[in-house]
């Protein structure tokens, strides 16, 4: 069942919390992927779904926040905590895509989570590609 419409929205710019237990990682995800949002942590792509809704939930972060995310492997758990419930995703695959390739955020008929960051991780803003982590 989709989340109540009134709860699937940002409150004071905050959307939900992202947790990756195997990496000991957790962070608040804010709405948007503009530089002012991503300088503070991960951001939700506004044109993607919300957790619990059918479709692809897209989250981006600068690589400095996700330096160990290249260690994620198939089956690793990613948790998303919202005001209307918690959602569990498992990593299904990773890929490296071109910096302007938005196909990794394509709509999906099922529940999907896609995390994106600069690649290679050490390259910072000079990174020529993006690491995409898919989970369902």
N, C-alpha and C. Protein backbone atom coordinates (compact mmCIF):
# COMPACT_ATOMS: atom_id res chain seq x y z
N UNK A 1 0.85 -1.17 0.00
CA UNK A 1 0.00 0.00 0.00
C UNK A 1 0.90 1.24 0.00
N UNK A 2 0.61 2.21 -0.87
CA UNK A 2 1.44 3.42 -0.92
C UNK A 2 1.30 4.24 0.35
N UNK A 3 2.30 5.07 0.63
CA UNK A 3 2.26 5.90 1.84
C UNK A 3 1.15 6.94 1.75
N UNK A 4 0.63 7.38 2.88
CA UNK A 4 -0.37 8.44 2.87
C UNK A 4 0.20 9.68 2.18
N UNK A 5 -0.58 10.28 1.29
CA UNK A 5 -0.11 11.40 0.47
C UNK A 5 0.49 12.53 1.30
N UNK A 6 -0.09 12.82 2.42
CA UNK A 6 0.41 13.92 3.24
C UNK A 6 1.75 13.65 3.89
N UNK A 7 2.16 12.39 3.96
CA UNK A 7 3.43 12.05 4.61
C UNK A 7 4.56 11.84 3.61
N UNK A 8 4.25 11.61 2.35
CA UNK A 8 5.27 11.38 1.32
C UNK A 8 5.71 12.72 0.74
N UNK A 9 6.29 13.52 1.61
CA UNK A 9 6.77 14.85 1.20
C UNK A 9 7.82 15.28 2.21
N UNK A 10 8.69 16.23 1.80
CA UNK A 10 9.71 16.71 2.75
C UNK A 10 9.08 17.55 3.86
N UNK A 11 9.69 17.51 5.02
CA UNK A 11 9.33 18.38 6.14
C UNK A 11 10.59 19.13 6.51
N UNK A 12 10.54 20.43 6.33
CA UNK A 12 11.72 21.28 6.55
C UNK A 12 12.92 20.78 5.75
N UNK A 13 12.65 20.31 4.53
CA UNK A 13 13.71 19.86 3.64
C UNK A 13 14.20 18.45 3.88
N UNK A 14 13.71 17.78 4.94
CA UNK A 14 14.15 16.42 5.27
C UNK A 14 13.14 15.42 4.73
N UNK A 15 13.65 14.38 4.05
CA UNK A 15 12.79 13.36 3.47
C UNK A 15 12.71 12.09 4.31
N UNK A 16 13.86 11.45 4.53
CA UNK A 16 13.90 10.17 5.24
C UNK A 16 15.33 9.89 5.68
N UNK A 17 15.52 8.76 6.37
CA UNK A 17 16.86 8.35 6.82
C UNK A 17 17.27 7.11 6.05
N UNK A 18 18.53 7.07 5.65
CA UNK A 18 19.11 5.95 4.93
C UNK A 18 20.12 5.27 5.85
N UNK A 19 20.02 3.93 5.97
CA UNK A 19 20.96 3.18 6.81
C UNK A 19 21.54 2.01 6.02
N UNK A 20 22.82 1.78 6.18
CA UNK A 20 23.49 0.63 5.58
C UNK A 20 24.22 -0.08 6.72
N UNK A 21 23.56 -1.06 7.34
CA UNK A 21 24.12 -1.70 8.54
C UNK A 21 25.53 -2.28 8.35
N UNK A 22 25.80 -2.95 7.23
CA UNK A 22 27.11 -3.58 7.06
C UNK A 22 28.24 -2.57 7.08
N UNK A 23 27.97 -1.34 6.64
CA UNK A 23 29.00 -0.31 6.63
C UNK A 23 28.94 0.59 7.86
N UNK A 24 27.95 0.37 8.74
CA UNK A 24 27.79 1.23 9.91
C UNK A 24 27.42 2.65 9.52
N UNK A 25 26.70 2.78 8.42
CA UNK A 25 26.39 4.10 7.86
C UNK A 25 24.93 4.46 8.11
N UNK A 26 24.70 5.72 8.43
CA UNK A 26 23.35 6.25 8.46
C UNK A 26 23.41 7.75 8.20
N UNK A 27 22.39 8.26 7.51
CA UNK A 27 22.35 9.69 7.20
C UNK A 27 20.93 10.11 6.90
N UNK A 28 20.65 11.34 7.19
CA UNK A 28 19.38 11.94 6.80
C UNK A 28 19.46 12.31 5.33
N UNK A 29 18.41 12.01 4.58
CA UNK A 29 18.34 12.35 3.17
C UNK A 29 17.43 13.57 3.04
N UNK A 30 17.96 14.60 2.40
CA UNK A 30 17.19 15.83 2.17
C UNK A 30 16.62 15.84 0.77
N UNK A 31 15.69 16.72 0.54
CA UNK A 31 15.05 16.81 -0.77
C UNK A 31 15.92 17.63 -1.72
N UNK A 32 16.21 17.05 -2.89
CA UNK A 32 16.93 17.74 -3.94
C UNK A 32 18.34 17.24 -4.13
N UNK A 33 18.90 17.59 -5.29
CA UNK A 33 20.27 17.19 -5.60
C UNK A 33 21.10 18.40 -6.04
N UNK A 34 20.66 19.57 -5.66
CA UNK A 34 21.42 20.79 -5.95
C UNK A 34 22.66 20.82 -5.06
N UNK A 35 23.68 21.56 -5.46
CA UNK A 35 24.92 21.61 -4.68
C UNK A 35 24.71 21.96 -3.20
N UNK A 36 23.81 22.88 -2.90
CA UNK A 36 23.63 23.26 -1.48
C UNK A 36 23.08 22.10 -0.66
N UNK A 37 22.32 21.20 -1.27
CA UNK A 37 21.83 20.01 -0.55
C UNK A 37 22.95 18.98 -0.43
N UNK A 38 23.62 18.67 -1.55
CA UNK A 38 24.61 17.60 -1.56
C UNK A 38 25.88 17.95 -0.80
N UNK A 39 26.16 19.22 -0.56
CA UNK A 39 27.32 19.57 0.26
C UNK A 39 27.12 19.13 1.70
N UNK A 40 25.86 18.94 2.13
CA UNK A 40 25.57 18.54 3.49
C UNK A 40 25.29 17.07 3.68
N UNK A 41 25.17 16.31 2.57
CA UNK A 41 24.85 14.89 2.66
C UNK A 41 24.01 14.44 1.49
N UNK A 42 23.41 13.26 1.60
CA UNK A 42 22.64 12.73 0.48
C UNK A 42 21.36 13.52 0.22
N UNK A 43 20.93 13.45 -1.06
CA UNK A 43 19.70 14.12 -1.47
C UNK A 43 18.85 13.20 -2.34
N UNK A 44 17.55 13.37 -2.23
CA UNK A 44 16.57 12.61 -3.00
C UNK A 44 16.33 13.31 -4.33
N UNK A 45 16.44 12.56 -5.42
CA UNK A 45 16.10 13.12 -6.73
C UNK A 45 14.60 13.42 -6.74
N UNK A 46 14.22 14.69 -6.87
CA UNK A 46 12.80 15.07 -6.74
C UNK A 46 11.87 14.41 -7.76
N UNK A 47 12.38 14.03 -8.92
CA UNK A 47 11.52 13.44 -9.94
C UNK A 47 11.43 11.91 -9.84
N UNK A 48 11.90 11.34 -8.71
CA UNK A 48 11.78 9.90 -8.51
C UNK A 48 10.78 9.61 -7.40
N UNK A 49 10.43 8.34 -7.27
CA UNK A 49 9.43 7.91 -6.29
C UNK A 49 9.90 8.13 -4.85
N UNK A 50 8.96 7.95 -3.93
CA UNK A 50 9.24 7.96 -2.50
C UNK A 50 9.26 6.52 -2.00
N UNK A 51 10.01 6.25 -0.93
CA UNK A 51 10.03 4.90 -0.38
C UNK A 51 8.61 4.40 -0.11
N UNK A 52 8.38 3.13 -0.46
CA UNK A 52 7.07 2.53 -0.27
C UNK A 52 6.16 2.66 -1.47
N UNK A 53 6.46 3.60 -2.36
CA UNK A 53 5.68 3.75 -3.58
C UNK A 53 6.27 2.84 -4.66
N UNK A 54 5.43 2.41 -5.61
CA UNK A 54 6.01 1.71 -6.76
C UNK A 54 6.91 2.68 -7.51
N UNK A 55 8.00 2.18 -8.03
CA UNK A 55 8.90 3.01 -8.82
C UNK A 55 10.29 3.04 -8.23
N UNK A 56 11.11 3.90 -8.79
CA UNK A 56 12.52 3.99 -8.46
C UNK A 56 12.76 5.18 -7.54
N UNK A 57 13.24 4.92 -6.33
CA UNK A 57 13.61 5.97 -5.38
C UNK A 57 15.09 6.28 -5.64
N UNK A 58 15.38 7.49 -6.11
CA UNK A 58 16.75 7.85 -6.43
C UNK A 58 17.37 8.73 -5.35
N UNK A 59 18.57 8.38 -4.92
CA UNK A 59 19.30 9.15 -3.90
C UNK A 59 20.73 9.36 -4.40
N UNK A 60 21.20 10.59 -4.30
CA UNK A 60 22.57 10.93 -4.71
C UNK A 60 23.34 11.45 -3.51
N UNK A 61 24.66 11.32 -3.58
CA UNK A 61 25.53 11.92 -2.56
C UNK A 61 26.90 12.14 -3.18
N UNK A 62 27.59 13.14 -2.67
CA UNK A 62 28.99 13.31 -3.05
C UNK A 62 29.75 12.10 -2.54
N UNK A 63 30.78 11.73 -3.27
CA UNK A 63 31.53 10.53 -2.90
C UNK A 63 32.19 10.62 -1.53
N UNK A 64 32.45 11.80 -1.03
CA UNK A 64 33.05 11.92 0.30
C UNK A 64 32.13 11.31 1.38
N UNK A 65 30.82 11.30 1.14
CA UNK A 65 29.87 10.71 2.09
C UNK A 65 29.74 9.21 1.90
N UNK A 66 30.05 8.70 0.71
CA UNK A 66 29.86 7.30 0.41
C UNK A 66 31.16 6.62 0.00
N UNK A 67 32.26 6.97 0.65
CA UNK A 67 33.57 6.45 0.26
C UNK A 67 33.65 4.92 0.28
N UNK A 68 32.88 4.27 1.10
CA UNK A 68 32.95 2.80 1.20
C UNK A 68 31.82 2.12 0.42
N UNK A 69 30.99 2.86 -0.27
CA UNK A 69 29.85 2.25 -0.94
C UNK A 69 30.24 1.34 -2.10
N UNK A 70 31.47 1.44 -2.59
CA UNK A 70 31.91 0.50 -3.62
C UNK A 70 32.10 -0.91 -3.04
N UNK A 71 32.05 -1.04 -1.73
CA UNK A 71 32.18 -2.34 -1.06
C UNK A 71 30.85 -3.07 -0.96
N UNK A 72 29.75 -2.39 -1.30
CA UNK A 72 28.44 -3.05 -1.24
C UNK A 72 28.36 -4.15 -2.28
N UNK A 73 27.78 -5.27 -1.89
CA UNK A 73 27.65 -6.41 -2.80
C UNK A 73 26.21 -6.92 -2.78
N UNK A 74 25.92 -7.74 -3.75
CA UNK A 74 24.59 -8.32 -3.89
C UNK A 74 24.13 -8.93 -2.56
N UNK A 75 22.93 -8.56 -2.14
CA UNK A 75 22.36 -9.08 -0.90
C UNK A 75 22.52 -8.17 0.30
N UNK A 76 23.43 -7.20 0.23
CA UNK A 76 23.58 -6.27 1.36
C UNK A 76 22.28 -5.49 1.58
N UNK A 77 21.95 -5.25 2.83
CA UNK A 77 20.71 -4.59 3.21
C UNK A 77 20.90 -3.07 3.27
N UNK A 78 19.92 -2.37 2.72
CA UNK A 78 19.83 -0.91 2.84
C UNK A 78 18.45 -0.62 3.41
N UNK A 79 18.42 0.12 4.51
CA UNK A 79 17.16 0.44 5.19
C UNK A 79 16.82 1.91 4.98
N UNK A 80 15.54 2.17 4.77
CA UNK A 80 15.05 3.53 4.62
C UNK A 80 13.94 3.74 5.64
N UNK A 81 14.15 4.69 6.55
CA UNK A 81 13.17 4.99 7.59
C UNK A 81 12.44 6.28 7.21
N UNK A 82 11.11 6.20 7.19
CA UNK A 82 10.29 7.36 6.85
C UNK A 82 9.33 7.65 8.00
N UNK A 83 8.57 8.72 7.86
CA UNK A 83 7.55 9.05 8.86
C UNK A 83 6.38 8.08 8.83
N UNK A 84 6.26 7.30 7.77
CA UNK A 84 5.12 6.40 7.62
C UNK A 84 5.53 4.93 7.61
N UNK A 85 6.79 4.63 7.93
CA UNK A 85 7.22 3.24 8.00
C UNK A 85 8.66 3.06 7.60
N UNK A 86 9.16 1.85 7.77
CA UNK A 86 10.53 1.51 7.40
C UNK A 86 10.48 0.54 6.23
N UNK A 87 11.47 0.67 5.33
CA UNK A 87 11.51 -0.15 4.13
C UNK A 87 12.89 -0.77 3.99
N UNK A 88 12.89 -2.06 3.65
CA UNK A 88 14.13 -2.82 3.51
C UNK A 88 14.36 -3.10 2.03
N UNK A 89 15.57 -2.78 1.60
CA UNK A 89 16.00 -3.07 0.24
C UNK A 89 17.25 -3.92 0.32
N UNK A 90 17.49 -4.74 -0.70
CA UNK A 90 18.72 -5.53 -0.80
C UNK A 90 19.41 -5.18 -2.11
N UNK A 91 20.71 -4.98 -2.02
CA UNK A 91 21.48 -4.65 -3.22
C UNK A 91 21.34 -5.79 -4.22
N UNK A 92 21.02 -5.42 -5.47
CA UNK A 92 20.90 -6.40 -6.55
C UNK A 92 22.07 -6.35 -7.51
N UNK A 93 22.62 -5.14 -7.70
CA UNK A 93 23.78 -5.01 -8.59
C UNK A 93 24.33 -3.59 -8.51
N UNK A 94 25.51 -3.41 -9.07
CA UNK A 94 26.11 -2.08 -9.20
C UNK A 94 26.60 -1.93 -10.64
N UNK A 95 26.73 -0.69 -11.07
CA UNK A 95 27.27 -0.41 -12.40
C UNK A 95 27.94 0.95 -12.38
N UNK A 96 28.80 1.17 -13.34
CA UNK A 96 29.40 2.49 -13.55
C UNK A 96 28.83 3.03 -14.84
N UNK A 97 28.28 4.23 -14.77
CA UNK A 97 27.62 4.87 -15.92
C UNK A 97 28.26 6.22 -16.19
N UNK A 98 28.02 6.74 -17.37
CA UNK A 98 28.51 8.07 -17.71
C UNK A 98 27.93 9.11 -16.78
N UNK A 99 28.64 10.20 -16.60
CA UNK A 99 28.23 11.25 -15.66
C UNK A 99 26.86 11.84 -16.00
N UNK A 100 26.49 11.86 -17.26
CA UNK A 100 25.20 12.45 -17.65
C UNK A 100 24.13 11.39 -17.94
N UNK A 101 24.42 10.12 -17.69
CA UNK A 101 23.50 9.03 -17.97
C UNK A 101 22.43 8.94 -16.89
N UNK A 102 21.23 9.39 -17.21
CA UNK A 102 20.13 9.36 -16.24
C UNK A 102 19.30 8.08 -16.35
N UNK A 103 19.70 7.16 -17.22
CA UNK A 103 18.92 5.93 -17.38
C UNK A 103 18.91 5.09 -16.11
N UNK A 104 19.90 5.27 -15.24
CA UNK A 104 19.93 4.51 -13.98
C UNK A 104 18.77 4.91 -13.07
N UNK A 105 18.15 6.06 -13.35
CA UNK A 105 17.02 6.54 -12.54
C UNK A 105 15.68 6.31 -13.23
N UNK A 106 15.67 5.49 -14.28
CA UNK A 106 14.44 5.25 -15.03
C UNK A 106 13.35 4.71 -14.12
N UNK A 107 12.10 5.08 -14.39
CA UNK A 107 10.98 4.55 -13.60
C UNK A 107 10.97 3.02 -13.65
N UNK A 108 10.45 2.42 -12.61
CA UNK A 108 10.37 0.97 -12.51
C UNK A 108 8.97 0.58 -12.07
N UNK A 109 8.48 -0.58 -12.51
CA UNK A 109 7.13 -1.00 -12.11
C UNK A 109 7.06 -1.51 -10.67
N UNK A 110 8.20 -1.90 -10.13
CA UNK A 110 8.25 -2.44 -8.77
C UNK A 110 8.94 -1.44 -7.85
N UNK A 111 9.13 -1.82 -6.59
CA UNK A 111 9.86 -0.96 -5.64
C UNK A 111 11.34 -1.13 -5.87
N UNK A 112 12.03 -0.02 -6.12
CA UNK A 112 13.46 -0.05 -6.37
C UNK A 112 14.11 1.17 -5.72
N UNK A 113 15.36 1.00 -5.32
CA UNK A 113 16.17 2.08 -4.75
C UNK A 113 17.45 2.16 -5.57
N UNK A 114 17.81 3.37 -5.99
CA UNK A 114 19.05 3.56 -6.73
C UNK A 114 19.87 4.65 -6.04
N UNK A 115 21.10 4.32 -5.69
CA UNK A 115 22.03 5.28 -5.08
C UNK A 115 23.07 5.64 -6.13
N UNK A 116 23.37 6.94 -6.27
CA UNK A 116 24.39 7.36 -7.23
C UNK A 116 25.41 8.26 -6.55
N UNK A 117 26.66 8.14 -7.03
CA UNK A 117 27.75 9.00 -6.56
C UNK A 117 28.82 9.06 -7.63
N UNK A 118 29.75 9.97 -7.48
CA UNK A 118 30.83 10.14 -8.46
C UNK A 118 31.75 8.92 -8.48
N UNK A 119 32.30 8.62 -9.66
CA UNK A 119 33.21 7.49 -9.83
C UNK A 119 34.37 7.89 -10.70
N UNK A 120 35.59 7.53 -10.38
CA UNK A 120 35.99 6.77 -9.20
C UNK A 120 35.84 7.60 -7.92
N UNK A 121 35.68 6.91 -6.83
CA UNK A 121 35.37 7.58 -5.56
C UNK A 121 36.42 8.59 -5.15
N UNK A 122 37.66 8.36 -5.47
CA UNK A 122 38.74 9.26 -5.06
C UNK A 122 38.82 10.52 -5.92
N UNK A 123 38.09 10.58 -7.05
CA UNK A 123 38.26 11.66 -8.02
C UNK A 123 37.51 12.94 -7.69
N UNK A 124 36.60 12.88 -6.73
CA UNK A 124 35.86 14.09 -6.37
C UNK A 124 35.11 14.68 -7.55
N UNK A 125 35.09 16.00 -7.63
CA UNK A 125 34.31 16.66 -8.69
C UNK A 125 34.91 16.45 -10.08
N UNK A 126 36.09 15.89 -10.16
CA UNK A 126 36.71 15.60 -11.46
C UNK A 126 36.31 14.22 -12.00
N UNK A 127 35.47 13.51 -11.27
CA UNK A 127 35.07 12.16 -11.65
C UNK A 127 34.34 12.17 -13.00
N UNK A 128 34.76 11.32 -13.93
CA UNK A 128 34.15 11.28 -15.25
C UNK A 128 32.91 10.39 -15.33
N UNK A 129 32.59 9.67 -14.27
CA UNK A 129 31.49 8.71 -14.32
C UNK A 129 30.74 8.70 -12.99
N UNK A 130 29.71 7.84 -12.93
CA UNK A 130 28.90 7.69 -11.72
C UNK A 130 28.79 6.23 -11.35
N UNK A 131 28.92 5.95 -10.06
CA UNK A 131 28.65 4.62 -9.52
C UNK A 131 27.16 4.58 -9.19
N UNK A 132 26.47 3.58 -9.69
CA UNK A 132 25.04 3.39 -9.38
C UNK A 132 24.89 2.06 -8.66
N UNK A 133 24.21 2.10 -7.53
CA UNK A 133 23.94 0.92 -6.72
C UNK A 133 22.44 0.69 -6.75
N UNK A 134 22.03 -0.47 -7.22
CA UNK A 134 20.61 -0.80 -7.35
C UNK A 134 20.19 -1.74 -6.25
N UNK A 135 19.02 -1.51 -5.68
CA UNK A 135 18.49 -2.40 -4.64
C UNK A 135 16.99 -2.54 -4.84
N UNK A 136 16.47 -3.66 -4.43
CA UNK A 136 15.02 -3.92 -4.57
C UNK A 136 14.52 -4.61 -3.31
